[in-house]
C-alpha atoms as a PDB file:
ATOM      1  CA  MET A   1       4.060 -66.365  29.791  1.00  0.00           C
ATOM      2  CA  GLY A   2       6.287 -66.524  32.414  1.00  0.00           C
ATOM      3  CA  SER A   3       6.608 -64.314  35.292  1.00  0.00           C
ATOM      4  CA  ASP A   4       9.725 -62.938  34.085  1.00  0.00           C
ATOM      5  CA  SER A   5       9.653 -63.256  30.354  1.00  0.00           C
ATOM      6  CA  TRP A   6       8.027 -59.540  30.060  1.00  0.00           C
ATOM      7  CA  HIS A   7      11.458 -58.394  30.649  1.00  0.00           C
ATOM      8  CA  SER A   8      12.682 -59.355  27.134  1.00  0.00           C
ATOM      9  CA  GLY A   9      10.678 -57.170  25.195  1.00  0.00           C
ATOM     10  CA  VAL A  10       8.844 -57.419  22.070  1.00  0.00           C
ATOM     11  CA  ASP A  11       9.749 -55.677  18.314  1.00  0.00           C
ATOM     12  CA  LEU A  12       7.006 -53.597  17.082  1.00  0.00           C
ATOM     13  CA  THR A  13       7.008 -52.547  13.458  1.00  0.00           C
ATOM     14  CA  PHE A  14       4.544 -49.475  12.875  1.00  0.00           C
ATOM     15  CA  ARG A  15       3.535 -49.412   9.012  1.00  0.00           C
ATOM     16  CA  ALA A  16       2.442 -47.188   6.507  1.00  0.00           C
ATOM     17  CA  VAL A  17       0.453 -48.541   4.090  1.00  0.00           C
ATOM     18  CA  ASP A  18      -1.683 -47.246   1.359  1.00  0.00           C
ATOM     19  CA  ALA A  19      -4.854 -48.592   0.986  1.00  0.00           C
ATOM     20  CA  GLY A  20      -5.859 -47.312  -2.271  1.00  0.00           C
ATOM     21  CA  SER A  21      -9.513 -46.642  -3.511  1.00  0.00           C
ATOM     22  CA  SER A  22     -10.900 -50.157  -2.382  1.00  0.00           C
ATOM     23  CA  VAL A  23     -11.309 -52.128   0.815  1.00  0.00           C
ATOM     24  CA  GLY A  24     -10.405 -55.314  -0.957  1.00  0.00           C
ATOM     25  CA  ALA A  25      -7.368 -54.321  -2.789  1.00  0.00           C
ATOM     26  CA  ARG A  26      -4.746 -54.448   0.491  1.00  0.00           C
ATOM     27  CA  LEU A  27      -6.661 -55.140   3.719  1.00  0.00           C
ATOM     28  CA  PRO A  28      -6.299 -58.834   3.039  1.00  0.00           C
ATOM     29  CA  GLU A  29      -2.672 -59.066   3.155  1.00  0.00           C
ATOM     30  CA  LEU A  30      -3.154 -57.047   6.648  1.00  0.00           C
ATOM     31  CA  PHE A  31      -6.078 -59.479   7.525  1.00  0.00           C
ATOM     32  CA  TRP A  32      -4.770 -63.079   7.688  1.00  0.00           C
ATOM     33  CA  PRO A  33      -1.610 -62.662   9.496  1.00  0.00           C
ATOM     34  CA  ALA A  34      -3.636 -60.711  12.233  1.00  0.00           C
ATOM     35  CA  TRP A  35      -6.673 -63.210  11.985  1.00  0.00           C
ATOM     36  CA  PRO A  36      -5.608 -65.746  14.912  1.00  0.00           C
ATOM     37  CA  ALA A  37      -5.443 -63.302  17.445  1.00  0.00           C
ATOM     38  CA  TYR A  38      -8.130 -61.346  16.098  1.00  0.00           C
ATOM     39  CA  ARG A  39     -10.170 -64.908  16.404  1.00  0.00           C
ATOM     40  CA  THR A  40      -8.925 -65.366  19.677  1.00  0.00           C
ATOM     41  CA  TRP A  41      -9.919 -62.306  20.960  1.00  0.00           C
ATOM     42  CA  PHE A  42     -13.664 -62.231  19.199  1.00  0.00           C
ATOM     43  CA  LEU A  43     -14.415 -65.624  20.986  1.00  0.00           C
ATOM     44  CA  ARG A  44     -13.077 -65.362  24.172  1.00  0.00           C
ATOM     45  CA  ASP A  45     -16.308 -65.513  25.773  1.00  0.00           C
ATOM     46  CA  GLY A  46     -17.770 -68.348  23.266  1.00  0.00           C
ATOM     47  CA  GLU A  47     -19.049 -68.125  20.021  1.00  0.00           C
ATOM     48  CA  GLN A  48     -22.713 -67.798  21.187  1.00  0.00           C
ATOM     49  CA  ALA A  49     -22.160 -64.389  22.734  1.00  0.00           C
ATOM     50  CA  ARG A  50     -21.184 -62.642  19.830  1.00  0.00           C
ATOM     51  CA  ALA A  51     -24.448 -61.437  17.686  1.00  0.00           C
ATOM     52  CA  SER A  52     -25.495 -63.671  14.740  1.00  0.00           C
ATOM     53  CA  ALA A  53     -23.928 -62.475  10.716  1.00  0.00           C
ATOM     54  CA  GLN A  54     -27.754 -61.259  10.437  1.00  0.00           C
ATOM     55  CA  THR A  55     -27.876 -59.012  13.221  1.00  0.00           C
ATOM     56  CA  CYS A  56     -24.602 -57.475  12.514  1.00  0.00           C
ATOM     57  CA  LEU A  57     -25.751 -56.888   8.985  1.00  0.00           C
ATOM     58  CA  ALA A  58     -28.970 -55.337  10.012  1.00  0.00           C
ATOM     59  CA  ALA A  59     -27.198 -53.255  12.149  1.00  0.00           C
ATOM     60  CA  LEU A  60     -24.642 -51.681   9.911  1.00  0.00           C
ATOM     61  CA  HIS A  61     -27.583 -51.143   7.374  1.00  0.00           C
ATOM     62  CA  ARG A  62     -29.370 -49.144   9.996  1.00  0.00           C
ATOM     63  CA  HIS A  63     -26.720 -47.043  11.547  1.00  0.00           C
ATOM     64  CA  MET A  64     -23.929 -46.881   8.712  1.00  0.00           C
ATOM     65  CA  PRO A  65     -25.766 -47.950   5.693  1.00  0.00           C
ATOM     66  CA  GLU A  66     -22.876 -45.898   3.742  1.00  0.00           C
ATOM     67  CA  LEU A  67     -20.313 -48.520   4.833  1.00  0.00           C
ATOM     68  CA  VAL A  68     -22.492 -51.433   3.462  1.00  0.00           C
ATOM     69  CA  ARG A  69     -20.962 -51.816   0.134  1.00  0.00           C
ATOM     70  CA  HIS A  70     -17.385 -51.406   1.523  1.00  0.00           C
ATOM     71  CA  TYR A  71     -18.490 -54.543   4.279  1.00  0.00           C
ATOM     72  CA  ASP A  72     -19.442 -56.481   1.599  1.00  0.00           C
ATOM     73  CA  GLU A  73     -16.452 -56.327  -0.399  1.00  0.00           C
ATOM     74  CA  LEU A  74     -14.033 -56.518   2.778  1.00  0.00           C
ATOM     75  CA  LEU A  75     -15.838 -59.670   3.467  1.00  0.00           C
ATOM     76  CA  ASP A  76     -15.620 -61.326  -0.351  1.00  0.00           C
ATOM     77  CA  ALA A  77     -12.029 -60.577  -0.286  1.00  0.00           C
ATOM     78  CA  VAL A  78     -11.255 -62.534   3.261  1.00  0.00           C
ATOM     79  CA  GLY A  79     -13.353 -65.292   2.789  1.00  0.00           C
ATOM     80  CA  GLY A  80     -16.597 -64.400   3.496  1.00  0.00           C
ATOM     81  CA  GLY A  81     -16.783 -66.943   6.253  1.00  0.00           C
ATOM     82  CA  ASP A  82     -19.843 -66.325   8.664  1.00  0.00           C
ATOM     83  CA  LEU A  83     -17.534 -65.671  11.990  1.00  0.00           C
ATOM     84  CA  GLN A  84     -14.996 -63.179   9.777  1.00  0.00           C
ATOM     85  CA  ALA A  85     -18.544 -61.384   9.016  1.00  0.00           C
ATOM     86  CA  ARG A  86     -19.476 -61.268  12.481  1.00  0.00           C
ATOM     87  CA  PHE A  87     -16.064 -59.664  13.178  1.00  0.00           C
ATOM     88  CA  LEU A  88     -15.868 -56.835  10.690  1.00  0.00           C
ATOM     89  CA  SER A  89     -19.320 -55.746  11.671  1.00  0.00           C
ATOM     90  CA  GLN A  90     -17.627 -54.755  15.201  1.00  0.00           C
ATOM     91  CA  TRP A  91     -21.397 -54.909  16.297  1.00  0.00           C
ATOM     92  CA  ASN A  92     -21.620 -56.247  20.392  1.00  0.00           C
ATOM     93  CA  PRO A  93     -17.827 -57.128  19.803  1.00  0.00           C
ATOM     94  CA  PRO A  94     -15.772 -58.420  23.580  1.00  0.00           C
ATOM     95  CA  PRO A  95     -15.480 -55.651  25.802  1.00  0.00           C
ATOM     96  CA  VAL A  96     -11.838 -53.802  25.801  1.00  0.00           C
ATOM     97  CA  ALA A  97     -10.377 -51.615  28.839  1.00  0.00           C
ATOM     98  CA  THR A  98      -7.600 -49.125  27.830  1.00  0.00           C
ATOM     99  CA  ALA A  99      -5.873 -46.146  29.444  1.00  0.00           C
ATOM    100  CA  CYS A 100      -5.319 -43.137  27.084  1.00  0.00           C
ATOM    101  CA  SER A 101      -4.857 -39.369  26.825  1.00  0.00           C
ATOM    102  CA  LEU A 102      -6.084 -36.761  25.104  1.00  0.00           C
ATOM    103  CA  ALA A 103      -5.987 -33.375  24.218  1.00  0.00           C
ATOM    104  CA  VAL A 104      -6.939 -30.563  21.779  1.00  0.00           C
ATOM    105  CA  TRP A 105      -5.083 -27.169  21.516  1.00  0.00           C
ATOM    106  CA  ASN A 106      -6.809 -24.572  19.299  1.00  0.00           C
ATOM    107  CA  ARG A 107      -5.498 -21.682  20.514  1.00  0.00           C
ATOM    108  CA  GLY A 108      -3.165 -20.227  17.544  1.00  0.00           C
ATOM    109  CA  GLU A 109      -1.970 -23.554  16.193  1.00  0.00           C
ATOM    110  CA  ASN A 110      -4.862 -26.180  16.148  1.00  0.00           C
ATOM    111  CA  VAL A 111      -3.612 -29.925  16.997  1.00  0.00           C
ATOM    112  CA  LEU A 112      -4.950 -33.416  18.254  1.00  0.00           C
ATOM    113  CA  VAL A 113      -2.579 -34.891  20.942  1.00  0.00           C
ATOM    114  CA  ARG A 114      -3.516 -38.524  21.789  1.00  0.00           C
ATOM    115  CA  SER A 115      -1.608 -40.882  23.382  1.00  0.00           C
ATOM    116  CA  TYR A 116      -2.259 -44.984  23.071  1.00  0.00           C
ATOM    117  CA  ASP A 117      -1.869 -46.985  26.147  1.00  0.00           C
ATOM    118  CA  TYR A 118      -2.335 -50.283  25.544  1.00  0.00           C
ATOM    119  CA  PRO A 119      -0.493 -53.986  25.624  1.00  0.00           C
ATOM    120  CA  PRO A 120       2.085 -53.557  22.881  1.00  0.00           C
ATOM    121  CA  ALA A 121       1.527 -56.854  21.206  1.00  0.00           C
ATOM    122  CA  LEU A 122      -2.369 -56.256  20.590  1.00  0.00           C
ATOM    123  CA  CYS A 123      -1.642 -53.028  18.778  1.00  0.00           C
ATOM    124  CA  ASP A 124      -2.840 -53.251  15.141  1.00  0.00           C
ATOM    125  CA  THR A 125       0.676 -50.559  14.381  1.00  0.00           C
ATOM    126  CA  THR A 126      -0.733 -49.891  10.969  1.00  0.00           C
ATOM    127  CA  VAL A 127      -1.428 -46.112   9.312  1.00  0.00           C
ATOM    128  CA  LEU A 128      -3.774 -46.763   6.659  1.00  0.00           C
ATOM    129  CA  ALA A 129      -4.266 -43.963   3.705  1.00  0.00           C
ATOM    130  CA  SER A 130      -7.390 -44.823   1.777  1.00  0.00           C
ATOM    131  CA  SER A 131     -10.337 -43.273   0.038  1.00  0.00           C
ATOM    132  CA  TRP A 132     -12.884 -45.600   0.074  1.00  0.00           C
ATOM    133  CA  THR A 133     -15.791 -43.370  -0.224  1.00  0.00           C
ATOM    134  CA  GLY A 134     -14.378 -40.921  -2.214  1.00  0.00           C
ATOM    135  CA  THR A 135     -12.327 -39.201   0.720  1.00  0.00           C
ATOM    136  CA  ARG A 136      -9.091 -39.419   1.517  1.00  0.00           C
ATOM    137  CA  VAL A 137      -8.152 -40.918   5.444  1.00  0.00           C
ATOM    138  CA  LEU A 138      -4.956 -41.397   7.036  1.00  0.00           C
ATOM    139  CA  ALA A 139      -5.877 -43.503  10.362  1.00  0.00           C
ATOM    140  CA  MET A 140      -4.269 -45.813  12.944  1.00  0.00           C
ATOM    141  CA  SER A 141      -6.111 -49.190  11.934  1.00  0.00           C
ATOM    142  CA  ASP A 142      -7.730 -51.065  14.521  1.00  0.00           C
ATOM    143  CA  CYS A 143      -9.398 -54.902  13.962  1.00  0.00           C
ATOM    144  CA  LEU A 144      -8.248 -54.156  10.446  1.00  0.00           C
ATOM    145  CA  TRP A 145     -10.558 -51.526   8.571  1.00  0.00           C
ATOM    146  CA  GLY A 146     -11.456 -49.064  11.982  1.00  0.00           C
ATOM    147  CA  ALA A 147      -9.166 -46.612  13.597  1.00  0.00           C
ATOM    148  CA  VAL A 148      -8.659 -45.512  16.432  1.00  0.00           C
ATOM    149  CA  ASP A 149      -7.219 -42.085  15.504  1.00  0.00           C
ATOM    150  CA  GLY A 150      -6.938 -40.487  11.975  1.00  0.00           C
ATOM    151  CA  VAL A 151      -7.476 -37.372  10.104  1.00  0.00           C
ATOM    152  CA  ASN A 152      -9.558 -36.840   6.891  1.00  0.00           C
ATOM    153  CA  GLU A 153      -8.605 -34.517   3.808  1.00  0.00           C
ATOM    154  CA  HIS A 154     -11.107 -32.037   5.184  1.00  0.00           C
ATOM    155  CA  GLY A 155      -9.175 -31.123   7.917  1.00  0.00           C
ATOM    156  CA  LEU A 156     -10.975 -33.214  10.716  1.00  0.00           C
ATOM    157  CA  ALA A 157      -8.943 -35.315  13.371  1.00  0.00           C
ATOM    158  CA  VAL A 158     -10.580 -38.009  15.802  1.00  0.00           C
ATOM    159  CA  ALA A 159      -9.086 -39.590  18.816  1.00  0.00           C
ATOM    160  CA  ILE A 160     -10.495 -41.776  21.557  1.00  0.00           C
ATOM    161  CA  ALA A 161      -9.841 -42.930  24.764  1.00  0.00           C
ATOM    162  CA  PHE A 162     -11.368 -45.592  26.743  1.00  0.00           C
ATOM    163  CA  GLY A 163     -14.568 -43.684  29.163  1.00  0.00           C
ATOM    164  CA  GLY A 164     -13.461 -45.477  32.322  1.00  0.00           C
ATOM    165  CA  ARG A 165     -17.137 -47.197  32.881  1.00  0.00           C
ATOM    166  CA  PRO A 166     -17.876 -50.639  33.177  1.00  0.00           C
ATOM    167  CA  VAL A 167     -20.768 -50.559  31.262  1.00  0.00           C
ATOM    168  CA  THR A 168     -21.613 -52.474  27.744  1.00  0.00           C
ATOM    169  CA  GLY A 169     -24.689 -52.248  25.342  1.00  0.00           C
ATOM    170  CA  ASP A 170     -25.702 -53.111  21.815  1.00  0.00           C
ATOM    171  CA  GLY A 171     -23.253 -50.976  19.695  1.00  0.00           C
ATOM    172  CA  PHE A 172     -20.717 -50.577  17.496  1.00  0.00           C
ATOM    173  CA  GLY A 173     -17.274 -51.003  18.556  1.00  0.00           C
ATOM    174  CA  ILE A 174     -15.874 -47.575  18.627  1.00  0.00           C
ATOM    175  CA  ALA A 175     -13.028 -48.193  16.134  1.00  0.00           C
ATOM    176  CA  LEU A 176     -15.590 -48.506  13.531  1.00  0.00           C
ATOM    177  CA  VAL A 177     -17.771 -45.580  14.377  1.00  0.00           C
ATOM    178  CA  VAL A 178     -14.255 -43.264  13.956  1.00  0.00           C
ATOM    179  CA  ARG A 179     -13.925 -44.933  10.856  1.00  0.00           C
ATOM    180  CA  TYR A 180     -17.595 -43.747   9.530  1.00  0.00           C
ATOM    181  CA  ILE A 181     -16.612 -40.545  10.919  1.00  0.00           C
ATOM    182  CA  LEU A 182     -13.416 -39.664   8.968  1.00  0.00           C
ATOM    183  CA  GLU A 183     -15.488 -41.405   5.973  1.00  0.00           C
ATOM    184  CA  LEU A 184     -18.276 -39.145   6.130  1.00  0.00           C
ATOM    185  CA  ALA A 185     -17.961 -36.174   8.156  1.00  0.00           C
ATOM    186  CA  ARG A 186     -16.187 -32.604   6.933  1.00  0.00           C
ATOM    187  CA  ASP A 187     -16.006 -30.935  10.517  1.00  0.00           C
ATOM    188  CA  ALA A 188     -16.543 -31.394  14.021  1.00  0.00           C
ATOM    189  CA  GLY A 189     -20.397 -30.122  13.673  1.00  0.00           C
ATOM    190  CA  GLU A 190     -21.018 -33.203  11.397  1.00  0.00           C
ATOM    191  CA  ALA A 191     -18.871 -35.208  13.212  1.00  0.00           C
ATOM    192  CA  LEU A 192     -20.711 -34.473  16.803  1.00  0.00           C
ATOM    193  CA  ALA A 193     -24.331 -35.796  14.916  1.00  0.00           C
ATOM    194  CA  ILE A 194     -22.530 -38.785  14.035  1.00  0.00           C
ATOM    195  CA  LEU A 195     -21.997 -39.559  17.659  1.00  0.00           C
ATOM    196  CA  ASP A 196     -25.026 -38.515  18.590  1.00  0.00           C
ATOM    197  CA  ARG A 197     -26.787 -40.782  16.531  1.00  0.00           C
ATOM    198  CA  VAL A 198     -24.829 -44.425  16.198  1.00  0.00           C
ATOM    199  CA  PRO A 199     -24.965 -46.247  19.026  1.00  0.00           C
ATOM    200  CA  VAL A 200     -21.551 -47.640  20.580  1.00  0.00           C
ATOM    201  CA  ALA A 201     -21.186 -50.710  22.762  1.00  0.00           C
ATOM    202  CA  MET A 202     -18.751 -49.255  25.430  1.00  0.00           C
ATOM    203  CA  ALA A 203     -18.233 -45.753  27.348  1.00  0.00           C
ATOM    204  CA  TYR A 204     -15.713 -43.702  25.130  1.00  0.00           C
ATOM    205  CA  ASN A 205     -14.167 -39.843  25.823  1.00  0.00           C
ATOM    206  CA  VAL A 206     -13.608 -38.340  21.618  1.00  0.00           C
ATOM    207  CA  ALA A 207     -11.553 -36.024  20.683  1.00  0.00           C
ATOM    208  CA  LEU A 208     -12.489 -33.623  17.546  1.00  0.00           C
ATOM    209  CA  LEU A 209     -10.683 -31.045  16.117  1.00  0.00           C
ATOM    210  CA  ASP A 210     -11.623 -29.673  12.569  1.00  0.00           C
ATOM    211  CA  ARG A 211      -9.343 -27.266  10.401  1.00  0.00           C
ATOM    212  CA  SER A 212     -10.912 -24.074  11.555  1.00  0.00           C
ATOM    213  CA  GLY A 213      -9.998 -25.229  15.222  1.00  0.00           C
ATOM    214  CA  ALA A 214     -13.902 -25.894  16.103  1.00  0.00           C
ATOM    215  CA  GLY A 215     -12.821 -28.693  18.434  1.00  0.00           C
ATOM    216  CA  ALA A 216     -14.445 -30.743  21.622  1.00  0.00           C
ATOM    217  CA  VAL A 217     -14.546 -34.200  23.506  1.00  0.00           C
ATOM    218  CA  VAL A 218     -17.175 -36.067  23.535  1.00  0.00           C
ATOM    219  CA  GLN A 219     -18.523 -38.538  26.183  1.00  0.00           C
ATOM    220  CA  VAL A 220     -20.516 -41.324  24.501  1.00  0.00           C
ATOM    221  CA  GLY A 221     -21.637 -44.501  25.704  1.00  0.00           C
ATOM    222  CA  PRO A 222     -24.456 -47.283  25.581  1.00  0.00           C
ATOM    223  CA  ASP A 223     -26.194 -46.164  28.236  1.00  0.00           C
ATOM    224  CA  ARG A 224     -26.207 -42.216  28.172  1.00  0.00           C
ATOM    225  CA  PRO A 225     -27.039 -39.245  25.646  1.00  0.00           C
ATOM    226  CA  THR A 226     -23.976 -37.590  24.218  1.00  0.00           C
ATOM    227  CA  VAL A 227     -22.671 -35.649  26.069  1.00  0.00           C
ATOM    228  CA  LEU A 228     -19.770 -32.560  25.283  1.00  0.00           C
ATOM    229  CA  ALA A 229     -17.132 -32.600  28.276  1.00  0.00           C
ATOM    230  CA  PRO A 230     -16.237 -29.291  30.194  1.00  0.00           C
ATOM    231  CA  GLY A 231     -12.894 -28.921  28.477  1.00  0.00           C
ATOM    232  CA  LEU A 232     -10.883 -29.955  25.963  1.00  0.00           C
ATOM    233  CA  THR A 233      -8.363 -32.627  27.461  1.00  0.00           C
ATOM    234  CA  ALA A 234      -9.417 -36.275  28.904  1.00  0.00           C
ATOM    235  CA  GLY A 235      -8.509 -39.135  30.521  1.00  0.00           C
ATOM    236  CA  ASN A 236     -10.177 -42.212  31.327  1.00  0.00           C
ATOM    237  CA  ARG A 237     -13.251 -40.720  33.078  1.00  0.00           C
ATOM    238  CA  GLN A 238     -16.801 -39.478  32.068  1.00  0.00           C
ATOM    239  CA  GLY A 239     -17.288 -36.606  34.952  1.00  0.00           C
ATOM    240  CA  TRP A 240     -16.183 -38.949  37.991  1.00  0.00           C
ATOM    241  CA  THR A 241     -14.266 -41.963  39.035  1.00  0.00           C
ATOM    242  CA  GLU A 242     -16.826 -45.224  38.394  1.00  0.00           C
ATOM    243  CA  TRP A 243     -14.438 -47.757  38.212  1.00  0.00           C
ATOM    244  CA  ALA A 244     -11.875 -47.223  41.020  1.00  0.00           C
ATOM    245  CA  ALA A 245      -9.688 -50.055  39.909  1.00  0.00           C
ATOM    246  CA  HIS A 246      -9.331 -48.988  36.481  1.00  0.00           C
ATOM    247  CA  ALA A 247      -8.670 -45.467  37.154  1.00  0.00           C
ATOM    248  CA  ALA A 248      -5.821 -46.304  39.984  1.00  0.00           C
ATOM    249  CA  MET A 249      -4.343 -48.476  37.564  1.00  0.00           C
ATOM    250  CA  CYS A 250      -3.975 -46.721  34.901  1.00  0.00           C
ATOM    251  CA  GLY A 251      -2.932 -43.108  36.724  1.00  0.00           C
ATOM    252  CA  THR A 252      -6.050 -41.983  35.555  1.00  0.00           C
ATOM    253  CA  LEU A 253      -6.477 -38.504  37.574  1.00  0.00           C
ATOM    254  CA  GLU A 254      -2.627 -37.999  37.714  1.00  0.00           C
ATOM    255  CA  ARG A 255      -2.525 -38.030  34.006  1.00  0.00           C
ATOM    256  CA  GLU A 256      -5.851 -35.737  33.585  1.00  0.00           C
ATOM    257  CA  GLU A 257      -4.232 -33.403  36.317  1.00  0.00           C
ATOM    258  CA  ALA A 258      -1.252 -32.959  33.699  1.00  0.00           C
ATOM    259  CA  LEU A 259      -3.387 -32.899  31.210  1.00  0.00           C
ATOM    260  CA  ALA A 260      -5.168 -29.663  32.645  1.00  0.00           C
ATOM    261  CA  LEU A 261      -1.794 -28.156  33.659  1.00  0.00           C
ATOM    262  CA  ALA A 262      -0.656 -28.265  30.066  1.00  0.00           C
ATOM    263  CA  VAL A 263      -3.387 -26.889  28.477  1.00  0.00           C
ATOM    264  CA  GLY A 264      -4.175 -24.553  31.103  1.00  0.00           C
ATOM    265  CA  ASP A 265      -1.059 -22.700  30.791  1.00  0.00           C
ATOM    266  CA  PRO A 266      -1.120 -19.127  29.854  1.00  0.00           C
ATOM    267  CA  TRP A 267       2.399 -19.501  28.300  1.00  0.00           C
ATOM    268  CA  ALA A 268       1.651 -23.201  26.954  1.00  0.00           C
ATOM    269  CA  THR A 269       1.823 -23.407  22.930  1.00  0.00           C
ATOM    270  CA  ALA A 270       1.311 -26.651  20.762  1.00  0.00           C
ATOM    271  CA  GLU A 271       4.386 -27.620  21.282  1.00  0.00           C
ATOM    272  CA  THR A 272       4.749 -27.651  25.088  1.00  0.00           C
ATOM    273  CA  VAL A 273       1.567 -29.257  25.496  1.00  0.00           C
ATOM    274  CA  VAL A 274       2.806 -32.192  22.803  1.00  0.00           C
ATOM    275  CA  GLY A 275       6.262 -31.922  24.835  1.00  0.00           C
ATOM    276  CA  GLN A 276       4.173 -33.147  28.038  1.00  0.00           C
ATOM    277  CA  PHE A 277       2.625 -36.003  26.611  1.00  0.00           C
ATOM    278  CA  LEU A 278       6.057 -37.641  25.944  1.00  0.00           C
ATOM    279  CA  ARG A 279       7.006 -37.074  29.862  1.00  0.00           C
ATOM    280  CA  PRO A 280       5.379 -39.124  32.722  1.00  0.00           C
ATOM    281  CA  PRO A 281       2.931 -39.252  33.907  1.00  0.00           C
ATOM    282  CA  ILE A 282       1.049 -39.265  30.475  1.00  0.00           C
ATOM    283  CA  GLN A 283       4.068 -40.942  28.676  1.00  0.00           C
ATOM    284  CA  ARG A 284       3.552 -44.548  30.808  1.00  0.00           C
ATOM    285  CA  ASP A 285       6.690 -46.716  30.829  1.00  0.00           C
ATOM    286  CA  PRO A 286       6.455 -50.250  29.029  1.00  0.00           C
ATOM    287  CA  ALA A 287       8.449 -51.664  32.049  1.00  0.00           C
ATOM    288  CA  THR A 288       6.016 -50.933  34.792  1.00  0.00           C
ATOM    289  CA  THR A 289       2.747 -51.295  33.271  1.00  0.00           C
ATOM    290  CA  PRO A 290       0.442 -53.557  31.032  1.00  0.00           C
ATOM    291  CA  TRP A 291      -1.095 -50.476  29.698  1.00  0.00           C
ATOM    292  CA  PRO A 292       2.365 -48.551  28.731  1.00  0.00           C
ATOM    293  CA  THR A 293       2.337 -45.660  25.867  1.00  0.00           C
ATOM    294  CA  VAL A 294       2.313 -47.743  22.627  1.00  0.00           C
ATOM    295  CA  TYR A 295       2.832 -44.188  20.512  1.00  0.00           C
ATOM    296  CA  THR A 296       1.892 -40.657  20.977  1.00  0.00           C
ATOM    297  CA  ALA A 297       0.211 -39.068  17.880  1.00  0.00           C
ATOM    298  CA  ALA A 298       0.003 -35.208  17.237  1.00  0.00           C
ATOM    299  CA  TYR A 299      -2.579 -34.731  14.464  1.00  0.00           C
ATOM    300  CA  SER A 300      -2.761 -31.283  12.404  1.00  0.00           C
ATOM    301  CA  PRO A 301      -6.029 -31.091  10.873  1.00  0.00           C
ATOM    302  CA  GLY A 302      -4.681 -28.327   8.613  1.00  0.00           C
ATOM    303  CA  LEU A 303      -2.146 -30.124   6.920  1.00  0.00           C
ATOM    304  CA  ALA A 304      -3.818 -33.611   7.364  1.00  0.00           C
ATOM    305  CA  ALA A 305      -0.806 -34.931   8.734  1.00  0.00           C
ATOM    306  CA  VAL A 306       0.465 -36.775  11.565  1.00  0.00           C
ATOM    307  CA  ASP A 307       3.472 -37.003  13.790  1.00  0.00           C
ATOM    308  CA  LEU A 308       3.828 -40.347  15.455  1.00  0.00           C
ATOM    309  CA  LEU A 309       6.106 -39.645  18.959  1.00  0.00           C
ATOM    310  CA  TRP A 310       8.172 -40.936  21.258  1.00  0.00           C
ATOM    311  CA  PRO A 311      10.481 -40.122  23.706  1.00  0.00           C
ATOM    312  CA  ASP A 312      13.487 -41.047  21.662  1.00  0.00           C
ATOM    313  CA  ASP A 313      12.065 -40.615  17.620  1.00  0.00           C
ATOM    314  CA  HIS A 314       9.269 -39.203  15.365  1.00  0.00           C
ATOM    315  CA  TRP A 315       7.531 -40.429  12.043  1.00  0.00           C
ATOM    316  CA  ARG A 316       5.733 -37.946  10.484  1.00  0.00           C
ATOM    317  CA  LEU A 317       3.092 -39.052   7.749  1.00  0.00           C
ATOM    318  CA  SER A 318       0.565 -36.851   5.587  1.00  0.00           C
ATOM    319  CA  LEU A 319      -2.266 -37.857   3.073  1.00  0.00           C
ATOM    320  CA  ASP A 320      -0.217 -35.009   0.652  1.00  0.00           C
ATOM    321  CA  GLY A 321       3.066 -36.950  -0.508  1.00  0.00           C
ATOM    322  CA  PHE A 322       2.069 -40.375   1.463  1.00  0.00           C
ATOM    323  CA  VAL A 323       4.994 -42.838   1.132  1.00  0.00           C
ATOM    324  CA  GLU A 324       4.917 -46.539   2.417  1.00  0.00           C
ATOM    325  CA  GLY A 325       6.894 -47.742   4.817  1.00  0.00           C
ATOM    326  CA  SER A 326       7.570 -48.795   8.896  1.00  0.00           C
ATOM    327  CA  LEU A 327       9.703 -48.231  11.538  1.00  0.00           C
ATOM    328  CA  THR A 328      10.803 -51.133  14.061  1.00  0.00           C
ATOM    329  CA  ARG A 329      10.640 -50.344  17.532  1.00  0.00           C
ATOM    330  CA  ARG A 330      11.873 -52.559  20.748  1.00  0.00           C
ATOM    331  CA  VAL A 331       9.569 -52.259  23.651  1.00  0.00           C
ATOM    332  CA  GLN A 332       9.813 -53.733  27.121  1.00  0.00           C
ATOM    333  CA  VAL A 333       6.601 -55.546  27.900  1.00  0.00           C
ATOM    334  CA  GLY A 334       4.863 -54.495  31.469  1.00  0.00           C
ATOM    335  CA  PRO A 335       3.640 -57.013  34.211  1.00  0.00           C
ATOM    336  CA  PRO A 336       0.582 -59.202  33.694  1.00  0.00           C
ATOM    337  CA  VAL A 337      -2.607 -58.212  35.018  1.00  0.00           C
ATOM    338  CA  ALA A 338      -6.079 -59.352  35.348  1.00  0.00           C
ATOM    339  CA  MET A 339      -8.362 -56.416  34.282  1.00  0.00           C
ATOM    340  CA  SER A 340     -11.278 -56.850  32.102  1.00  0.00           C
ATOM    341  CA  VAL A 341     -14.596 -55.226  31.987  1.00  0.00           C
ATOM    342  CA  PRO A 342     -17.313 -56.652  34.589  1.00  0.00           C
ATOM    343  CA  VAL A 343     -20.456 -56.986  32.408  1.00  0.00           C
END
């Protein structure tokens, strides 16, 4: 990419897809157009850096046995290759640093809000409605069948943000863990139990909110026990700044302060908290950063619904009466930057 080419921007098409009751029904049509980009990312450190297919399958059997049948079905549907098997398992994937902000609001009205800050051209931008394990799920996909945020029919909403710690270890990509939670957990307590026992490959903050209003921000990582954060908001740290360059580049401290002010205001409402996500510093301008806010999502657990939000637009999707569709937005791409996870 030339030094000035980012000024032209990219078209991002957000899609709402009914994936049905079988992972093999609709996902292959989404997989093959994205596979070249998936493959490039997955092999960026060389094929030898990724775990063998046997190791990946063993990890799924050990930690997420309920997904194994669906993994096998999906793998068959996309051709059953060795590299696809390793990629789809999401066991020890390449490390990825992002930004993102989280807030749990459970005073009167229950809403989980998140901004997704990432290079626009690398986002899946597909919302899947599915019922693969018998539980209906509405989720923003990642790596085809993973999820970076979502809600299930029981009224449990989940979203993630990078934990801001340059540590990696044996574990799954967080998106498949979120998918697992949404498929199996009925409330925040059951979700927390899954986070306690399923290993993750990197540090993440995970926001949970269920229909009853029980909510938490959970700090997970490959090198520490799962910890409940003291508050109900999170940027990209886990208690203190451990990766100063990342915190500075993505404005973590400024966003954390804005988040705390938004939920701490005694006059705040769910509407005002959501509104703060659509303004700087939480809303990040794609013209000035390589990790802009691609979308903001406000999940309503009681309705099993999500509002995808931008400062000038919105799109509501719900498990009840889900309708396939698409929305295309022109997004200016920010200046390039080198920010890889030091491992």
